[in-house]
Amino acid sequence: MKAILLASSMLAMITAANAADISTKYHGGVAWDVYVTGEIKPGDDERFSRVTRQLPSSAVVVLSSPGGDVVAGLNIGEEISARQFETATLDRCASVCGLIWLAGSHRIVREDAHLGFHAAYNYPDGSVSPNANAVIGAYLNRLGFSYSTIDFLTRTSPDSMHWLTSDLAAKYGIDAWVFPRPQEPESVQRPNVWMTVIGTIAIVIFLLGAWKRRKFDLGAMLFPAGKLTTFDKVLLGVTAVPVTVLVGGILGAWMFL
């Protein structure tokens, strides 16, 4: 398991113009994905509840967010835990988004994704908020994390970051299914059909022209002088063209591909 990055990001109660985008995708049967994208704002917890109200417990909540409002985020995490949804992140999920991710019944992370945690702080002065961190501690305790893990997740000051390796994740009981990033498709060398055809035609024309001018005497090459019978001439006449085309095709493919 490759290192999981804990990137520091804002974990504060702030507001902005645009709320997170919350949408669903149906894959058939009981397979649903819920996408939470963008900064989490007050009221997003209510929107999340409305969007997921009819979904089965097999749903996967796919998170991509820099963080946002603590109360809304923790409420989303509480609902995920109660509904036994799985959580996943494919790119970046920091601050309260990371706390939401921890609520999944199973946690999924792509190997190149970034997960961030640190202490909550007061906006706008940036001072650590003991009250918010106490609420976060209670939330993490309800999710089943130990006191040492809670301390690890909330001890880092807001202006710094803590990096998590696979060893640290195992030490603090942060289990996840890690899957590899998609591989770039390898370029496939496809035959250049038109160039092969053009090359073959050119070679055939050259060979036939040489034959006609007797500069390329296939009979003389295959049979000694004076031993070319009428049958041999007929056989050569029948086979010369297909053999020439075959040879020309092979040479054309070799020359032009």
Protein backbone atom coordinates (compact mmCIF):
# COMPACT_ATOMS: atom_id res chain seq x y z
CA MET A 1 0.00 0.00 0.00
CA LYS A 2 1.48 3.30 -1.07
CA ALA A 3 1.61 6.30 1.22
CA ILE A 4 -1.66 8.12 1.79
CA LEU A 5 -1.23 11.84 1.83
CA LEU A 6 -2.76 13.86 4.65
CA ALA A 7 -2.86 17.34 3.15
CA SER A 8 -3.67 20.15 5.53
CA SER A 9 -6.68 22.25 4.62
CA MET A 10 -9.30 24.49 6.21
CA LEU A 11 -11.57 22.98 8.83
CA ALA A 12 -13.69 25.93 9.84
CA MET A 13 -17.29 27.13 9.86
CA ILE A 14 -17.27 29.45 6.90
CA THR A 15 -19.83 30.34 4.26
CA ALA A 16 -19.53 31.01 0.54
CA ALA A 17 -21.72 31.53 -2.46
CA ASN A 18 -21.78 27.99 -3.85
CA ALA A 19 -22.73 24.90 -1.89
CA ALA A 20 -21.31 21.46 -2.62
CA ASP A 21 -22.71 19.61 -5.60
CA ILE A 22 -24.56 16.50 -4.40
CA SER A 23 -25.77 14.07 -7.05
CA THR A 24 -26.42 10.35 -7.55
CA LYS A 25 -25.68 7.79 -10.23
CA TYR A 26 -27.48 4.46 -10.65
CA HIS A 27 -25.52 1.41 -11.86
CA GLY A 28 -28.33 -1.12 -11.83
CA GLY A 29 -29.62 -3.49 -9.15
CA VAL A 30 -28.88 -1.89 -5.79
CA ALA A 31 -25.67 -0.16 -6.91
CA TRP A 32 -25.75 3.60 -6.36
CA ASP A 33 -23.02 6.22 -6.15
CA VAL A 34 -23.49 9.55 -4.36
CA TYR A 35 -21.12 12.31 -5.45
CA VAL A 36 -20.27 15.12 -3.01
CA THR A 37 -18.09 17.64 -4.81
CA GLY A 38 -16.91 21.09 -3.74
CA GLU A 39 -16.80 23.02 -0.49
CA ILE A 40 -19.31 21.92 2.12
CA LYS A 41 -21.61 24.69 3.32
CA PRO A 42 -24.34 25.05 5.95
CA GLY A 43 -27.46 23.26 4.71
CA ASP A 44 -25.56 20.68 2.66
CA ASP A 45 -26.31 18.10 5.33
CA GLU A 46 -30.05 18.59 4.77
CA ARG A 47 -29.57 18.35 1.01
CA PHE A 48 -27.54 15.18 1.43
CA SER A 49 -30.31 13.66 3.55
CA ARG A 50 -32.96 14.48 0.93
CA VAL A 51 -30.89 13.16 -1.98
CA THR A 52 -30.01 9.85 -0.28
CA ARG A 53 -33.28 9.21 1.56
CA GLN A 54 -34.37 6.30 -0.66
CA LEU A 55 -30.97 4.76 -1.32
CA PRO A 56 -29.95 1.31 -0.03
CA SER A 57 -27.08 0.77 2.39
CA SER A 58 -24.91 -0.46 -0.49
CA ALA A 59 -24.54 3.10 -1.81
CA VAL A 60 -21.02 4.52 -2.09
CA VAL A 61 -20.43 8.18 -1.24
CA VAL A 62 -17.66 9.52 -3.50
CA LEU A 63 -16.03 12.58 -1.94
CA SER A 64 -14.01 15.36 -3.57
CA SER A 65 -13.84 18.44 -1.36
CA PRO A 66 -11.35 20.82 0.30
CA GLY A 67 -13.50 20.83 3.44
CA GLY A 68 -15.89 23.45 4.76
CA ASP A 69 -18.55 23.75 7.42
CA VAL A 70 -17.86 21.50 10.42
CA VAL A 71 -21.46 21.06 11.57
CA ALA A 72 -22.81 20.21 8.10
CA GLY A 73 -19.89 17.88 7.43
CA LEU A 74 -20.20 15.97 10.69
CA ASN A 75 -23.95 15.62 10.19
CA ILE A 76 -23.28 14.09 6.76
CA GLY A 77 -20.78 11.73 8.37
CA GLU A 78 -23.30 10.75 11.05
CA GLU A 79 -25.87 9.89 8.40
CA ILE A 80 -23.35 7.89 6.39
CA SER A 81 -22.48 5.91 9.51
CA ALA A 82 -26.12 5.33 10.45
CA ARG A 83 -27.05 4.26 6.90
CA GLN A 84 -23.88 2.13 6.57
CA PHE A 85 -22.88 3.75 3.31
CA GLU A 86 -19.39 3.15 1.98
CA THR A 87 -17.13 6.12 1.28
CA ALA A 88 -14.52 6.69 -1.40
CA THR A 89 -12.21 9.40 -2.66
CA LEU A 90 -10.44 9.43 -6.00
CA ASP A 91 -8.56 12.70 -5.74
CA ARG A 92 -8.68 15.20 -2.86
CA CYS A 93 -10.67 15.02 0.34
CA ALA A 94 -9.40 17.30 3.09
CA SER A 95 -10.47 18.62 6.49
CA VAL A 96 -14.12 17.92 7.27
CA CYS A 97 -14.30 15.95 4.01
CA GLY A 98 -11.73 13.58 5.49
CA LEU A 99 -13.87 13.25 8.61
CA ILE A 100 -16.84 12.35 6.42
CA TRP A 101 -14.72 9.75 4.62
CA LEU A 102 -13.87 8.14 7.97
CA ALA A 103 -17.58 7.45 8.56
CA GLY A 104 -17.86 4.88 5.75
CA SER A 105 -18.68 1.28 6.59
CA HIS A 106 -15.89 0.52 4.15
CA ARG A 107 -13.41 3.19 3.12
CA ILE A 108 -12.04 3.26 -0.40
CA VAL A 109 -9.17 5.42 -1.62
CA ARG A 110 -7.28 5.56 -4.87
CA GLU A 111 -3.53 5.25 -4.33
CA ASP A 112 -2.79 8.75 -5.66
CA ALA A 113 -5.59 10.47 -3.71
CA HIS A 114 -4.96 13.02 -0.94
CA LEU A 115 -6.68 12.86 2.45
CA GLY A 116 -6.30 15.75 4.87
CA PHE A 117 -6.95 16.22 8.61
CA HIS A 118 -6.01 18.82 11.18
CA ALA A 119 -7.36 20.81 14.10
CA ALA A 120 -10.45 22.94 13.70
CA TYR A 121 -9.98 26.68 14.00
CA ASN A 122 -11.95 29.85 14.45
CA TYR A 123 -12.68 32.00 11.45
CA PRO A 124 -11.22 34.48 10.61
CA ASP A 125 -8.38 34.75 13.13
CA GLY A 126 -7.19 31.16 12.60
CA SER A 127 -6.96 30.27 16.28
CA VAL A 128 -7.60 26.66 17.32
CA SER A 129 -11.21 26.08 18.39
CA PRO A 130 -11.36 23.85 21.49
CA ASN A 131 -15.14 23.56 21.24
CA ALA A 132 -15.09 22.42 17.61
CA ASN A 133 -12.30 19.94 18.32
CA ALA A 134 -14.25 18.54 21.26
CA VAL A 135 -17.23 17.94 18.96
CA ILE A 136 -14.95 16.29 16.40
CA GLY A 137 -13.45 14.10 19.11
CA ALA A 138 -16.90 12.92 20.19
CA TYR A 139 -17.80 12.21 16.57
CA LEU A 140 -14.66 10.15 16.00
CA ASN A 141 -15.23 8.28 19.23
CA ARG A 142 -18.72 7.29 18.07
CA LEU A 143 -17.14 6.00 14.85
CA GLY A 144 -15.06 3.67 17.02
CA PHE A 145 -11.65 5.32 16.85
CA SER A 146 -9.35 5.17 19.85
CA TYR A 147 -8.24 8.17 21.87
CA SER A 148 -4.77 7.97 20.36
CA THR A 149 -6.23 8.09 16.85
CA ILE A 150 -8.45 11.04 17.76
CA ASP A 151 -5.43 12.84 19.15
CA PHE A 152 -3.46 12.05 15.99
CA LEU A 153 -6.21 13.40 13.72
CA THR A 154 -6.74 16.65 15.63
CA ARG A 155 -3.35 17.55 17.08
CA THR A 156 -1.87 19.24 14.01
CA SER A 157 -2.18 23.02 14.05
CA PRO A 158 -4.23 24.68 11.31
CA ASP A 159 -1.17 26.25 9.70
CA SER A 160 0.72 22.96 9.27
CA MET A 161 0.07 19.45 8.03
CA HIS A 162 0.63 15.84 9.04
CA TRP A 163 1.58 13.24 6.46
CA LEU A 164 0.20 9.75 6.81
CA THR A 165 2.08 6.70 5.58
CA SER A 166 0.69 3.20 5.32
CA ASP A 167 2.51 2.34 8.55
CA LEU A 168 0.87 5.22 10.41
CA ALA A 169 -2.53 4.31 8.98
CA ALA A 170 -2.12 0.78 10.30
CA LYS A 171 -0.86 2.06 13.65
CA TYR A 172 -3.90 4.28 14.18
CA GLY A 173 -6.49 1.85 12.84
CA ILE A 174 -7.41 3.85 9.74
CA ASP A 175 -8.33 0.96 7.47
CA ALA A 176 -9.08 1.45 3.80
CA TRP A 177 -9.27 -0.42 0.53
CA VAL A 178 -6.57 1.08 -1.66
CA PHE A 179 -6.88 0.57 -5.40
CA PRO A 180 -4.45 1.62 -8.13
CA ARG A 181 -4.96 4.61 -10.35
CA PRO A 182 -6.05 3.83 -13.93
CA GLN A 183 -3.16 3.03 -16.23
CA GLU A 184 -2.63 5.16 -19.29
CA PRO A 185 -3.59 3.11 -22.38
CA GLU A 186 -0.55 1.98 -24.30
CA SER A 187 -0.33 3.25 -27.83
CA VAL A 188 -0.97 0.46 -30.29
CA GLN A 189 0.86 0.43 -33.59
CA ARG A 190 -1.84 -0.23 -36.13
CA PRO A 191 -1.03 -1.29 -39.70
CA ASN A 192 -1.14 1.57 -42.18
CA VAL A 193 -3.41 -0.12 -44.70
CA TRP A 194 -3.30 2.60 -47.33
CA MET A 195 0.48 2.88 -47.26
CA THR A 196 0.72 -0.91 -47.58
CA VAL A 197 -1.60 -0.92 -50.59
CA ILE A 198 0.26 1.95 -52.27
CA GLY A 199 3.61 0.29 -51.60
CA THR A 200 2.39 -3.03 -52.93
CA ILE A 201 1.02 -1.48 -56.13
CA ALA A 202 4.24 0.43 -56.70
CA ILE A 203 6.34 -2.71 -56.30
CA VAL A 204 4.04 -4.75 -58.56
CA ILE A 205 4.24 -2.09 -61.28
CA PHE A 206 8.02 -2.01 -60.99
CA LEU A 207 8.33 -5.79 -61.19
CA LEU A 208 5.93 -6.13 -64.11
CA GLY A 209 7.72 -3.35 -65.96
CA ALA A 210 11.06 -5.01 -65.38
CA TRP A 211 9.62 -8.33 -66.56
CA LYS A 212 8.31 -6.75 -69.75
CA ARG A 213 11.66 -5.14 -70.54
CA ARG A 214 13.42 -8.46 -69.79
CA LYS A 215 15.54 -6.74 -67.20
CA PHE A 216 14.14 -9.11 -64.63
CA ASP A 217 13.97 -12.57 -66.20
CA LEU A 218 12.37 -14.84 -63.65
CA GLY A 219 12.60 -17.81 -66.00
CA ALA A 220 16.32 -17.36 -66.51
CA MET A 221 16.79 -17.05 -62.76
CA LEU A 222 14.89 -20.25 -61.97
CA PHE A 223 15.89 -22.42 -64.91
CA PRO A 224 19.20 -22.72 -66.70
CA ALA A 225 19.32 -21.54 -70.32
CA GLY A 226 17.90 -24.03 -72.78
CA LYS A 227 15.97 -26.01 -70.18
CA LEU A 228 12.79 -23.85 -70.01
CA THR A 229 9.98 -25.99 -71.46
CA THR A 230 6.59 -24.82 -72.69
CA PHE A 231 5.01 -26.19 -69.49
CA ASP A 232 7.51 -24.20 -67.44
CA LYS A 233 6.59 -21.01 -69.30
CA VAL A 234 2.85 -21.59 -68.74
CA LEU A 235 3.46 -22.34 -65.05
CA LEU A 236 5.52 -19.18 -64.68
CA GLY A 237 2.87 -17.13 -66.44
CA VAL A 238 0.15 -18.39 -64.11
CA THR A 239 2.13 -17.98 -60.89
CA ALA A 240 4.13 -14.84 -61.61
CA VAL A 241 1.42 -12.31 -60.82
CA PRO A 242 0.13 -13.78 -57.48
CA VAL A 243 3.69 -14.45 -56.33
CA THR A 244 4.68 -10.91 -57.23
CA VAL A 245 1.66 -9.48 -55.38
CA LEU A 246 2.47 -11.57 -52.31
CA VAL A 247 6.11 -10.55 -52.29
CA GLY A 248 5.16 -6.95 -52.99
CA GLY A 249 2.71 -6.95 -50.08
CA ILE A 250 5.32 -8.25 -47.67
CA LEU A 251 7.91 -5.78 -48.85
CA GLY A 252 5.39 -2.95 -48.82
CA ALA A 253 4.38 -3.71 -45.25
CA TRP A 254 8.02 -3.84 -44.21
CA MET A 255 8.89 -0.59 -45.96
CA PHE A 256 5.89 1.57 -45.07
CA LEU A 257 4.67 0.48 -41.61
